Amino acid sequence: MKTNNAISMTPANANISVSLAHSRYGTPQPQVEIRYPRGTHYRVVRAALYALAAKLETATPAGDNWVVEVDAFGDEMGRVYLELVKADAAETKRGLELLRKVVG
């Protein structure tokens, strides 16, 4: 099991995308989705998700109060998303900008 790629957050074999999802209530949720090839051990995926969540937590400015959440859904994929407090256009924009900055 390779874990060094997950921890460095630069997995060459993973597809990483930043997008705007919506909760079941319709509120915006900026997210990063990570998809690994079939056969990737779920611990590699979870390690990458938690490493990304930690980077987002430490990069979040003090004035932003969103919650960083991790959602592993399946052996090869998962997402890290922001549970916004105000969920207005400005907060959504700041959240997406932070995700893009951290993911690179």
PDB file of N, CA and C in Angstrom:
ATOM      1  N   MET A   1       0.846  -1.170   0.000  1.00  0.00           N
ATOM      2  CA  MET A   1       0.000   0.000   0.000  1.00  0.00           C
ATOM      3  C   MET A   1       0.893   1.235   0.000  1.00  0.00           C
ATOM      4  N   LYS A   2       0.705   2.111  -0.966  1.00  0.00           N
ATOM      5  CA  LYS A   2       1.483   3.338  -1.043  1.00  0.00           C
ATOM      6  C   LYS A   2       0.751   4.444  -0.299  1.00  0.00           C
ATOM      7  N   THR A   3       1.390   5.018   0.695  1.00  0.00           N
ATOM      8  CA  THR A   3       0.765   6.110   1.438  1.00  0.00           C
ATOM      9  C   THR A   3       1.498   7.424   1.256  1.00  0.00           C
ATOM     10  N   ASN A   4       2.716   7.384   0.736  1.00  0.00           N
ATOM     11  CA  ASN A   4       3.467   8.623   0.594  1.00  0.00           C
ATOM     12  C   ASN A   4       2.773   9.609  -0.336  1.00  0.00           C
ATOM     13  N   ASN A   5       2.131   9.143  -1.399  1.00  0.00           N
ATOM     14  CA  ASN A   5       1.404  10.038  -2.296  1.00  0.00           C
ATOM     15  C   ASN A   5       0.235  10.694  -1.595  1.00  0.00           C
ATOM     16  N   ALA A   6      -0.465   9.960  -0.766  1.00  0.00           N
ATOM     17  CA  ALA A   6      -1.626  10.519  -0.078  1.00  0.00           C
ATOM     18  C   ALA A   6      -1.208  11.612   0.885  1.00  0.00           C
ATOM     19  N   ILE A   7      -0.128  11.389   1.580  1.00  0.00           N
ATOM     20  CA  ILE A   7       0.294  12.356   2.580  1.00  0.00           C
ATOM     21  C   ILE A   7       0.867  13.605   1.925  1.00  0.00           C
ATOM     22  N   SER A   8       1.579  13.457   0.815  1.00  0.00           N
ATOM     23  CA  SER A   8       2.150  14.630   0.159  1.00  0.00           C
ATOM     24  C   SER A   8       1.093  15.433  -0.595  1.00  0.00           C
ATOM     25  N   MET A   9      -0.071  14.861  -0.816  1.00  0.00           N
ATOM     26  CA  MET A   9      -1.186  15.484  -1.523  1.00  0.00           C
ATOM     27  C   MET A   9      -0.841  15.839  -2.961  1.00  0.00           C
ATOM     28  N   THR A  10       0.109  15.149  -3.547  1.00  0.00           N
ATOM     29  CA  THR A  10       0.395  15.312  -4.960  1.00  0.00           C
ATOM     30  C   THR A  10       0.347  13.947  -5.635  1.00  0.00           C
ATOM     31  N   PRO A  11      -0.769  13.240  -5.505  1.00  0.00           N
ATOM     32  CA  PRO A  11      -0.856  11.899  -6.085  1.00  0.00           C
ATOM     33  C   PRO A  11      -0.906  11.957  -7.606  1.00  0.00           C
ATOM     34  N   ALA A  12       0.105  11.377  -8.238  1.00  0.00           N
ATOM     35  CA  ALA A  12       0.185  11.420  -9.693  1.00  0.00           C
ATOM     36  C   ALA A  12      -0.937  10.624 -10.346  1.00  0.00           C
ATOM     37  N   ASN A  13      -1.446   9.620  -9.670  1.00  0.00           N
ATOM     38  CA  ASN A  13      -2.455   8.754 -10.272  1.00  0.00           C
ATOM     39  C   ASN A  13      -3.879   9.115  -9.857  1.00  0.00           C
ATOM     40  N   ALA A  14      -4.071  10.245  -9.193  1.00  0.00           N
ATOM     41  CA  ALA A  14      -5.407  10.648  -8.754  1.00  0.00           C
ATOM     42  C   ALA A  14      -5.920  11.800  -9.603  1.00  0.00           C
ATOM     43  N   ASN A  15      -7.230  11.846  -9.760  1.00  0.00           N
ATOM     44  CA  ASN A  15      -7.896  12.948 -10.442  1.00  0.00           C
ATOM     45  C   ASN A  15      -8.477  13.850  -9.365  1.00  0.00           C
ATOM     46  N   ILE A  16      -8.024  15.090  -9.306  1.00  0.00           N
ATOM     47  CA  ILE A  16      -8.465  16.033  -8.281  1.00  0.00           C
ATOM     48  C   ILE A  16      -9.183  17.186  -8.958  1.00  0.00           C
ATOM     49  N   SER A  17     -10.400  17.488  -8.499  1.00  0.00           N
ATOM     50  CA  SER A  17     -11.152  18.589  -9.096  1.00  0.00           C
ATOM     51  C   SER A  17     -11.834  19.432  -8.026  1.00  0.00           C
ATOM     52  N   VAL A  18     -11.837  20.735  -8.260  1.00  0.00           N
ATOM     53  CA  VAL A  18     -12.518  21.694  -7.394  1.00  0.00           C
ATOM     54  C   VAL A  18     -13.808  22.090  -8.090  1.00  0.00           C
ATOM     55  N   SER A  19     -14.908  22.072  -7.347  1.00  0.00           N
ATOM     56  CA  SER A  19     -16.195  22.446  -7.937  1.00  0.00           C
ATOM     57  C   SER A  19     -17.128  22.964  -6.854  1.00  0.00           C
ATOM     58  N   LEU A  20     -18.273  23.419  -7.292  1.00  0.00           N
ATOM     59  CA  LEU A  20     -19.298  23.886  -6.365  1.00  0.00           C
ATOM     60  C   LEU A  20     -20.442  22.884  -6.370  1.00  0.00           C
ATOM     61  N   ALA A  21     -20.616  22.200  -5.260  1.00  0.00           N
ATOM     62  CA  ALA A  21     -21.735  21.271  -5.088  1.00  0.00           C
ATOM     63  C   ALA A  21     -22.806  21.983  -4.268  1.00  0.00           C
ATOM     64  N   HIS A  22     -23.902  21.310  -4.048  1.00  0.00           N
ATOM     65  CA  HIS A  22     -24.974  21.856  -3.212  1.00  0.00           C
ATOM     66  C   HIS A  22     -25.456  20.774  -2.257  1.00  0.00           C
ATOM     67  N   SER A  23     -25.800  21.193  -1.053  1.00  0.00           N
ATOM     68  CA  SER A  23     -26.317  20.255  -0.062  1.00  0.00           C
ATOM     69  C   SER A  23     -27.717  19.821  -0.463  1.00  0.00           C
ATOM     70  N   ARG A  24     -28.253  18.879   0.260  1.00  0.00           N
ATOM     71  CA  ARG A  24     -29.618  18.427  -0.038  1.00  0.00           C
ATOM     72  C   ARG A  24     -30.640  19.528   0.222  1.00  0.00           C
ATOM     73  N   TYR A  25     -30.215  20.574   0.937  1.00  0.00           N
ATOM     74  CA  TYR A  25     -31.097  21.714   1.206  1.00  0.00           C
ATOM     75  C   TYR A  25     -30.893  22.839   0.203  1.00  0.00           C
ATOM     76  N   GLY A  26     -29.962  22.655  -0.717  1.00  0.00           N
ATOM     77  CA  GLY A  26     -29.726  23.640  -1.759  1.00  0.00           C
ATOM     78  C   GLY A  26     -28.663  24.675  -1.447  1.00  0.00           C
ATOM     79  N   THR A  27     -28.014  24.572  -0.296  1.00  0.00           N
ATOM     80  CA  THR A  27     -26.967  25.539   0.036  1.00  0.00           C
ATOM     81  C   THR A  27     -25.664  25.156  -0.666  1.00  0.00           C
ATOM     82  N   PRO A  28     -24.891  26.150  -1.076  1.00  0.00           N
ATOM     83  CA  PRO A  28     -23.646  25.857  -1.788  1.00  0.00           C
ATOM     84  C   PRO A  28     -22.609  25.185  -0.890  1.00  0.00           C
ATOM     85  N   GLN A  29     -21.856  24.269  -1.491  1.00  0.00           N
ATOM     86  CA  GLN A  29     -20.779  23.564  -0.795  1.00  0.00           C
ATOM     87  C   GLN A  29     -19.556  23.497  -1.709  1.00  0.00           C
ATOM     88  N   PRO A  30     -18.625  24.435  -1.557  1.00  0.00           N
ATOM     89  CA  PRO A  30     -17.379  24.307  -2.314  1.00  0.00           C
ATOM     90  C   PRO A  30     -16.708  22.979  -1.944  1.00  0.00           C
ATOM     91  N   GLN A  31     -16.198  22.268  -2.945  1.00  0.00           N
ATOM     92  CA  GLN A  31     -15.652  20.941  -2.672  1.00  0.00           C
ATOM     93  C   GLN A  31     -14.438  20.632  -3.527  1.00  0.00           C
ATOM     94  N   VAL A  32     -13.641  19.705  -3.014  1.00  0.00           N
ATOM     95  CA  VAL A  32     -12.553  19.086  -3.771  1.00  0.00           C
ATOM     96  C   VAL A  32     -12.874  17.608  -3.814  1.00  0.00           C
ATOM     97  N   GLU A  33     -12.954  17.072  -5.018  1.00  0.00           N
ATOM     98  CA  GLU A  33     -13.229  15.652  -5.186  1.00  0.00           C
ATOM     99  C   GLU A  33     -11.940  14.962  -5.610  1.00  0.00           C
ATOM    100  N   ILE A  34     -11.645  13.833  -4.981  1.00  0.00           N
ATOM    101  CA  ILE A  34     -10.446  13.058  -5.303  1.00  0.00           C
ATOM    102  C   ILE A  34     -10.889  11.673  -5.756  1.00  0.00           C
ATOM    103  N   ARG A  35     -10.431  11.281  -6.953  1.00  0.00           N
ATOM    104  CA  ARG A  35     -10.745   9.954  -7.500  1.00  0.00           C
ATOM    105  C   ARG A  35      -9.435   9.240  -7.836  1.00  0.00           C
ATOM    106  N   TYR A  36      -9.300   8.055  -7.282  1.00  0.00           N
ATOM    107  CA  TYR A  36      -8.136   7.220  -7.549  1.00  0.00           C
ATOM    108  C   TYR A  36      -8.529   6.093  -8.498  1.00  0.00           C
ATOM    109  N   PRO A  37      -7.544   5.464  -9.141  1.00  0.00           N
ATOM    110  CA  PRO A  37      -7.841   4.323 -10.003  1.00  0.00           C
ATOM    111  C   PRO A  37      -8.406   3.148  -9.198  1.00  0.00           C
ATOM    112  N   ARG A  38      -9.166   2.310  -9.887  1.00  0.00           N
ATOM    113  CA  ARG A  38      -9.731   1.112  -9.272  1.00  0.00           C
ATOM    114  C   ARG A  38      -8.614   0.282  -8.651  1.00  0.00           C
ATOM    115  N   GLY A  39      -8.887  -0.232  -7.475  1.00  0.00           N
ATOM    116  CA  GLY A  39      -7.912  -1.053  -6.776  1.00  0.00           C
ATOM    117  C   GLY A  39      -7.097  -0.299  -5.739  1.00  0.00           C
ATOM    118  N   THR A  40      -7.259   1.012  -5.684  1.00  0.00           N
ATOM    119  CA  THR A  40      -6.548   1.798  -4.673  1.00  0.00           C
ATOM    120  C   THR A  40      -7.129   1.476  -3.303  1.00  0.00           C
ATOM    121  N   HIS A  41      -6.266   1.245  -2.344  1.00  0.00           N
ATOM    122  CA  HIS A  41      -6.715   0.907  -0.993  1.00  0.00           C
ATOM    123  C   HIS A  41      -7.445   2.099  -0.377  1.00  0.00           C
ATOM    124  N   TYR A  42      -8.526   1.825   0.319  1.00  0.00           N
ATOM    125  CA  TYR A  42      -9.335   2.907   0.884  1.00  0.00           C
ATOM    126  C   TYR A  42      -8.562   3.758   1.884  1.00  0.00           C
ATOM    127  N   ARG A  43      -7.559   3.189   2.524  1.00  0.00           N
ATOM    128  CA  ARG A  43      -6.768   3.980   3.485  1.00  0.00           C
ATOM    129  C   ARG A  43      -5.946   5.065   2.783  1.00  0.00           C
ATOM    130  N   VAL A  44      -5.508   4.796   1.572  1.00  0.00           N
ATOM    131  CA  VAL A  44      -4.790   5.806   0.793  1.00  0.00           C
ATOM    132  C   VAL A  44      -5.722   6.974   0.496  1.00  0.00           C
ATOM    133  N   VAL A  45      -6.944   6.646   0.092  1.00  0.00           N
ATOM    134  CA  VAL A  45      -7.932   7.686  -0.212  1.00  0.00           C
ATOM    135  C   VAL A  45      -8.245   8.496   1.039  1.00  0.00           C
ATOM    136  N   ARG A  46      -8.510   7.824   2.136  1.00  0.00           N
ATOM    137  CA  ARG A  46      -8.850   8.531   3.381  1.00  0.00           C
ATOM    138  C   ARG A  46      -7.681   9.380   3.873  1.00  0.00           C
ATOM    139  N   ALA A  47      -6.458   8.873   3.742  1.00  0.00           N
ATOM    140  CA  ALA A  47      -5.290   9.658   4.154  1.00  0.00           C
ATOM    141  C   ALA A  47      -5.171  10.932   3.325  1.00  0.00           C
ATOM    142  N   ALA A  48      -5.414  10.824   2.023  1.00  0.00           N
ATOM    143  CA  ALA A  48      -5.357  12.007   1.158  1.00  0.00           C
ATOM    144  C   ALA A  48      -6.445  13.006   1.535  1.00  0.00           C
ATOM    145  N   LEU A  49      -7.646  12.505   1.829  1.00  0.00           N
ATOM    146  CA  LEU A  49      -8.749  13.391   2.207  1.00  0.00           C
ATOM    147  C   LEU A  49      -8.447  14.123   3.508  1.00  0.00           C
ATOM    148  N   TYR A  50      -7.954  13.404   4.500  1.00  0.00           N
ATOM    149  CA  TYR A  50      -7.663  14.046   5.784  1.00  0.00           C
ATOM    150  C   TYR A  50      -6.457  14.979   5.697  1.00  0.00           C
ATOM    151  N   ALA A  51      -5.473  14.641   4.866  1.00  0.00           N
ATOM    152  CA  ALA A  51      -4.333  15.542   4.666  1.00  0.00           C
ATOM    153  C   ALA A  51      -4.798  16.847   4.032  1.00  0.00           C
ATOM    154  N   LEU A  52      -5.685  16.736   3.051  1.00  0.00           N
ATOM    155  CA  LEU A  52      -6.231  17.935   2.415  1.00  0.00           C
ATOM    156  C   LEU A  52      -7.067  18.739   3.403  1.00  0.00           C
ATOM    157  N   ALA A  53      -7.888  18.066   4.193  1.00  0.00           N
ATOM    158  CA  ALA A  53      -8.712  18.759   5.190  1.00  0.00           C
ATOM    159  C   ALA A  53      -7.835  19.519   6.181  1.00  0.00           C
ATOM    160  N   ALA A  54      -6.729  18.919   6.597  1.00  0.00           N
ATOM    161  CA  ALA A  54      -5.821  19.591   7.531  1.00  0.00           C
ATOM    162  C   ALA A  54      -5.212  20.837   6.898  1.00  0.00           C
ATOM    163  N   LYS A  55      -4.830  20.738   5.632  1.00  0.00           N
ATOM    164  CA  LYS A  55      -4.283  21.905   4.940  1.00  0.00           C
ATOM    165  C   LYS A  55      -5.325  23.013   4.834  1.00  0.00           C
ATOM    166  N   LEU A  56      -6.567  22.644   4.550  1.00  0.00           N
ATOM    167  CA  LEU A  56      -7.635  23.640   4.449  1.00  0.00           C
ATOM    168  C   LEU A  56      -7.910  24.293   5.793  1.00  0.00           C
ATOM    169  N   GLU A  57      -7.907  23.507   6.852  1.00  0.00           N
ATOM    170  CA  GLU A  57      -8.140  24.065   8.191  1.00  0.00           C
ATOM    171  C   GLU A  57      -7.077  25.103   8.531  1.00  0.00           C
ATOM    172  N   THR A  58      -5.822  24.771   8.284  1.00  0.00           N
ATOM    173  CA  THR A  58      -4.750  25.700   8.648  1.00  0.00           C
ATOM    174  C   THR A  58      -4.673  26.897   7.709  1.00  0.00           C
ATOM    175  N   ALA A  59      -5.185  26.772   6.489  1.00  0.00           N
ATOM    176  CA  ALA A  59      -5.165  27.880   5.530  1.00  0.00           C
ATOM    177  C   ALA A  59      -6.387  28.785   5.648  1.00  0.00           C
ATOM    178  N   THR A  60      -7.400  28.364   6.406  1.00  0.00           N
ATOM    179  CA  THR A  60      -8.621  29.164   6.544  1.00  0.00           C
ATOM    180  C   THR A  60      -8.343  30.410   7.374  1.00  0.00           C
ATOM    181  N   PRO A  61      -8.676  31.588   6.839  1.00  0.00           N
ATOM    182  CA  PRO A  61      -8.489  32.827   7.605  1.00  0.00           C
ATOM    183  C   PRO A  61      -9.347  32.830   8.870  1.00  0.00           C
ATOM    184  N   ALA A  62      -8.880  33.541   9.875  1.00  0.00           N
ATOM    185  CA  ALA A  62      -9.578  33.583  11.168  1.00  0.00           C
ATOM    186  C   ALA A  62     -11.007  34.103  11.043  1.00  0.00           C
ATOM    187  N   GLY A  63     -11.278  34.952  10.087  1.00  0.00           N
ATOM    188  CA  GLY A  63     -12.612  35.534   9.943  1.00  0.00           C
ATOM    189  C   GLY A  63     -13.641  34.618   9.304  1.00  0.00           C
ATOM    190  N   ASP A  64     -13.197  33.525   8.711  1.00  0.00           N
ATOM    191  CA  ASP A  64     -14.135  32.593   8.075  1.00  0.00           C
ATOM    192  C   ASP A  64     -14.443  31.460   9.040  1.00  0.00           C
ATOM    193  N   ASN A  65     -15.722  31.192   9.221  1.00  0.00           N
ATOM    194  CA  ASN A  65     -16.152  30.221  10.234  1.00  0.00           C
ATOM    195  C   ASN A  65     -16.751  28.943   9.658  1.00  0.00           C
ATOM    196  N   TRP A  66     -16.485  28.668   8.391  1.00  0.00           N
ATOM    197  CA  TRP A  66     -17.028  27.436   7.823  1.00  0.00           C
ATOM    198  C   TRP A  66     -16.396  26.217   8.480  1.00  0.00           C
ATOM    199  N   VAL A  67     -17.011  25.070   8.244  1.00  0.00           N
ATOM    200  CA  VAL A  67     -16.525  23.806   8.793  1.00  0.00           C
ATOM    201  C   VAL A  67     -15.991  22.970   7.634  1.00  0.00           C
ATOM    202  N   VAL A  68     -14.795  22.440   7.794  1.00  0.00           N
ATOM    203  CA  VAL A  68     -14.201  21.568   6.781  1.00  0.00           C
ATOM    204  C   VAL A  68     -14.660  20.145   7.076  1.00  0.00           C
ATOM    205  N   GLU A  69     -15.305  19.518   6.102  1.00  0.00           N
ATOM    206  CA  GLU A  69     -15.856  18.167   6.267  1.00  0.00           C
ATOM    207  C   GLU A  69     -15.198  17.198   5.290  1.00  0.00           C
ATOM    208  N   VAL A  70     -15.104  15.942   5.689  1.00  0.00           N
ATOM    209  CA  VAL A  70     -14.555  14.875   4.852  1.00  0.00           C
ATOM    210  C   VAL A  70     -15.652  13.859   4.594  1.00  0.00           C
ATOM    211  N   ASP A  71     -15.770  13.450   3.336  1.00  0.00           N
ATOM    212  CA  ASP A  71     -16.787  12.482   2.938  1.00  0.00           C
ATOM    213  C   ASP A  71     -16.128  11.452   2.026  1.00  0.00           C
ATOM    214  N   ALA A  72     -15.836  10.272   2.560  1.00  0.00           N
ATOM    215  CA  ALA A  72     -15.257   9.189   1.767  1.00  0.00           C
ATOM    216  C   ALA A  72     -16.395   8.299   1.299  1.00  0.00           C
ATOM    217  N   PHE A  73     -16.644   8.279  -0.002  1.00  0.00           N
ATOM    218  CA  PHE A  73     -17.748   7.476  -0.510  1.00  0.00           C
ATOM    219  C   PHE A  73     -17.255   6.476  -1.541  1.00  0.00           C
ATOM    220  N   GLY A  74     -16.807   5.372  -1.039  1.00  0.00           N
ATOM    221  CA  GLY A  74     -16.303   4.316  -1.900  1.00  0.00           C
ATOM    222  C   GLY A  74     -14.821   4.105  -1.671  1.00  0.00           C
ATOM    223  N   ASP A  75     -14.317   3.030  -2.232  1.00  0.00           N
ATOM    224  CA  ASP A  75     -12.913   2.693  -2.025  1.00  0.00           C
ATOM    225  C   ASP A  75     -11.963   3.600  -2.793  1.00  0.00           C
ATOM    226  N   GLU A  76     -12.386   4.145  -3.905  1.00  0.00           N
ATOM    227  CA  GLU A  76     -11.475   4.914  -4.745  1.00  0.00           C
ATOM    228  C   GLU A  76     -11.751   6.405  -4.789  1.00  0.00           C
ATOM    229  N   MET A  77     -12.727   6.889  -4.043  1.00  0.00           N
ATOM    230  CA  MET A  77     -13.053   8.306  -4.168  1.00  0.00           C
ATOM    231  C   MET A  77     -13.600   8.908  -2.888  1.00  0.00           C
ATOM    232  N   GLY A  78     -13.563  10.220  -2.852  1.00  0.00           N
ATOM    233  CA  GLY A  78     -14.102  10.951  -1.717  1.00  0.00           C
ATOM    234  C   GLY A  78     -14.015  12.436  -1.992  1.00  0.00           C
ATOM    235  N   ARG A  79     -14.471  13.213  -1.024  1.00  0.00           N
ATOM    236  CA  ARG A  79     -14.424  14.659  -1.194  1.00  0.00           C
ATOM    237  C   ARG A  79     -14.187  15.338   0.141  1.00  0.00           C
ATOM    238  N   VAL A  80     -13.642  16.533   0.059  1.00  0.00           N
ATOM    239  CA  VAL A  80     -13.518  17.429   1.193  1.00  0.00           C
ATOM    240  C   VAL A  80     -14.332  18.648   0.804  1.00  0.00           C
ATOM    241  N   TYR A  81     -15.242  19.056   1.672  1.00  0.00           N
ATOM    242  CA  TYR A  81     -16.096  20.192   1.321  1.00  0.00           C
ATOM    243  C   TYR A  81     -16.220  21.148   2.491  1.00  0.00           C
ATOM    244  N   LEU A  82     -16.671  22.350   2.175  1.00  0.00           N
ATOM    245  CA  LEU A  82     -16.853  23.383   3.182  1.00  0.00           C
ATOM    246  C   LEU A  82     -18.330  23.519   3.502  1.00  0.00           C
ATOM    247  N   GLU A  83     -18.664  23.376   4.760  1.00  0.00           N
ATOM    248  CA  GLU A  83     -20.024  23.627   5.248  1.00  0.00           C
ATOM    249  C   GLU A  83     -20.050  25.106   5.617  1.00  0.00           C
ATOM    250  N   LEU A  84     -20.645  25.900   4.740  1.00  0.00           N
ATOM    251  CA  LEU A  84     -20.622  27.349   4.901  1.00  0.00           C
ATOM    252  C   LEU A  84     -21.573  27.811   5.994  1.00  0.00           C
ATOM    253  N   VAL A  85     -21.235  28.925   6.638  1.00  0.00           N
ATOM    254  CA  VAL A  85     -22.071  29.482   7.704  1.00  0.00           C
ATOM    255  C   VAL A  85     -23.166  30.352   7.105  1.00  0.00           C
ATOM    256  N   LYS A  86     -22.769  31.337   6.298  1.00  0.00           N
ATOM    257  CA  LYS A  86     -23.741  32.248   5.690  1.00  0.00           C
ATOM    258  C   LYS A  86     -24.257  31.715   4.359  1.00  0.00           C
ATOM    259  N   ALA A  87     -23.416  31.014   3.657  1.00  0.00           N
ATOM    260  CA  ALA A  87     -23.734  30.445   2.347  1.00  0.00           C
ATOM    261  C   ALA A  87     -24.154  31.511   1.344  1.00  0.00           C
ATOM    262  N   ASP A  88     -23.632  32.730   1.513  1.00  0.00           N
ATOM    263  CA  ASP A  88     -23.922  33.781   0.542  1.00  0.00           C
ATOM    264  C   ASP A  88     -22.868  33.748  -0.568  1.00  0.00           C
ATOM    265  N   ALA A  89     -23.041  34.601  -1.564  1.00  0.00           N
ATOM    266  CA  ALA A  89     -22.146  34.598  -2.720  1.00  0.00           C
ATOM    267  C   ALA A  89     -20.702  34.910  -2.329  1.00  0.00           C
ATOM    268  N   ALA A  90     -20.510  35.843  -1.411  1.00  0.00           N
ATOM    269  CA  ALA A  90     -19.154  36.233  -1.005  1.00  0.00           C
ATOM    270  C   ALA A  90     -18.436  35.090  -0.291  1.00  0.00           C
ATOM    271  N   GLU A  91     -19.124  34.424   0.626  1.00  0.00           N
ATOM    272  CA  GLU A  91     -18.502  33.315   1.352  1.00  0.00           C
ATOM    273  C   GLU A  91     -18.216  32.144   0.408  1.00  0.00           C
ATOM    274  N   THR A  92     -19.137  31.893  -0.506  1.00  0.00           N
ATOM    275  CA  THR A  92     -18.946  30.831  -1.489  1.00  0.00           C
ATOM    276  C   THR A  92     -17.713  31.111  -2.336  1.00  0.00           C
ATOM    277  N   LYS A  93     -17.569  32.351  -2.778  1.00  0.00           N
ATOM    278  CA  LYS A  93     -16.413  32.738  -3.591  1.00  0.00           C
ATOM    279  C   LYS A  93     -15.113  32.571  -2.811  1.00  0.00           C
ATOM    280  N   ARG A  94     -15.089  33.014  -1.562  1.00  0.00           N
ATOM    281  CA  ARG A  94     -13.889  32.868  -0.730  1.00  0.00           C
ATOM    282  C   ARG A  94     -13.540  31.390  -0.526  1.00  0.00           C
ATOM    283  N   GLY A  95     -14.557  30.570  -0.324  1.00  0.00           N
ATOM    284  CA  GLY A  95     -14.328  29.140  -0.143  1.00  0.00           C
ATOM    285  C   GLY A  95     -13.727  28.488  -1.373  1.00  0.00           C
ATOM    286  N   LEU A  96     -14.280  28.789  -2.536  1.00  0.00           N
ATOM    287  CA  LEU A  96     -13.745  28.232  -3.780  1.00  0.00           C
ATOM    288  C   LEU A  96     -12.318  28.709  -4.027  1.00  0.00           C
ATOM    289  N   GLU A  97     -12.052  29.987  -3.735  1.00  0.00           N
ATOM    290  CA  GLU A  97     -10.696  30.517  -3.907  1.00  0.00           C
ATOM    291  C   GLU A  97      -9.706  29.792  -2.999  1.00  0.00           C
ATOM    292  N   LEU A  98     -10.113  29.531  -1.764  1.00  0.00           N
ATOM    293  CA  LEU A  98      -9.232  28.818  -0.836  1.00  0.00           C
ATOM    294  C   LEU A  98      -8.957  27.398  -1.337  1.00  0.00           C
ATOM    295  N   LEU A  99      -9.990  26.704  -1.790  1.00  0.00           N
ATOM    296  CA  LEU A  99      -9.801  25.343  -2.297  1.00  0.00           C
ATOM    297  C   LEU A  99      -8.827  25.333  -3.471  1.00  0.00           C
ATOM    298  N   ARG A 100      -9.016  26.258  -4.401  1.00  0.00           N
ATOM    299  CA  ARG A 100      -8.130  26.316  -5.573  1.00  0.00           C
ATOM    300  C   ARG A 100      -6.693  26.640  -5.171  1.00  0.00           C
ATOM    301  N   LYS A 101      -6.542  27.522  -4.197  1.00  0.00           N
ATOM    302  CA  LYS A 101      -5.204  27.897  -3.727  1.00  0.00           C
ATOM    303  C   LYS A 101      -4.497  26.708  -3.078  1.00  0.00           C
ATOM    304  N   VAL A 102      -5.203  25.993  -2.222  1.00  0.00           N
ATOM    305  CA  VAL A 102      -4.592  24.875  -1.503  1.00  0.00           C
ATOM    306  C   VAL A 102      -4.309  23.700  -2.439  1.00  0.00           C
ATOM    307  N   VAL A 103      -5.232  23.415  -3.345  1.00  0.00           N
ATOM    308  CA  VAL A 103      -5.044  22.298  -4.275  1.00  0.00           C
ATOM    309  C   VAL A 103      -3.957  22.629  -5.295  1.00  0.00           C
ATOM    310  N   GLY A 104      -3.879  23.904  -5.671  1.00  0.00           N
ATOM    311  CA  GLY A 104      -2.843  24.352  -6.609  1.00  0.00           C
ATOM    312  C   GLY A 104      -3.281  24.193  -7.993  1.00  0.00           C
TER     313      GLY A 104
END
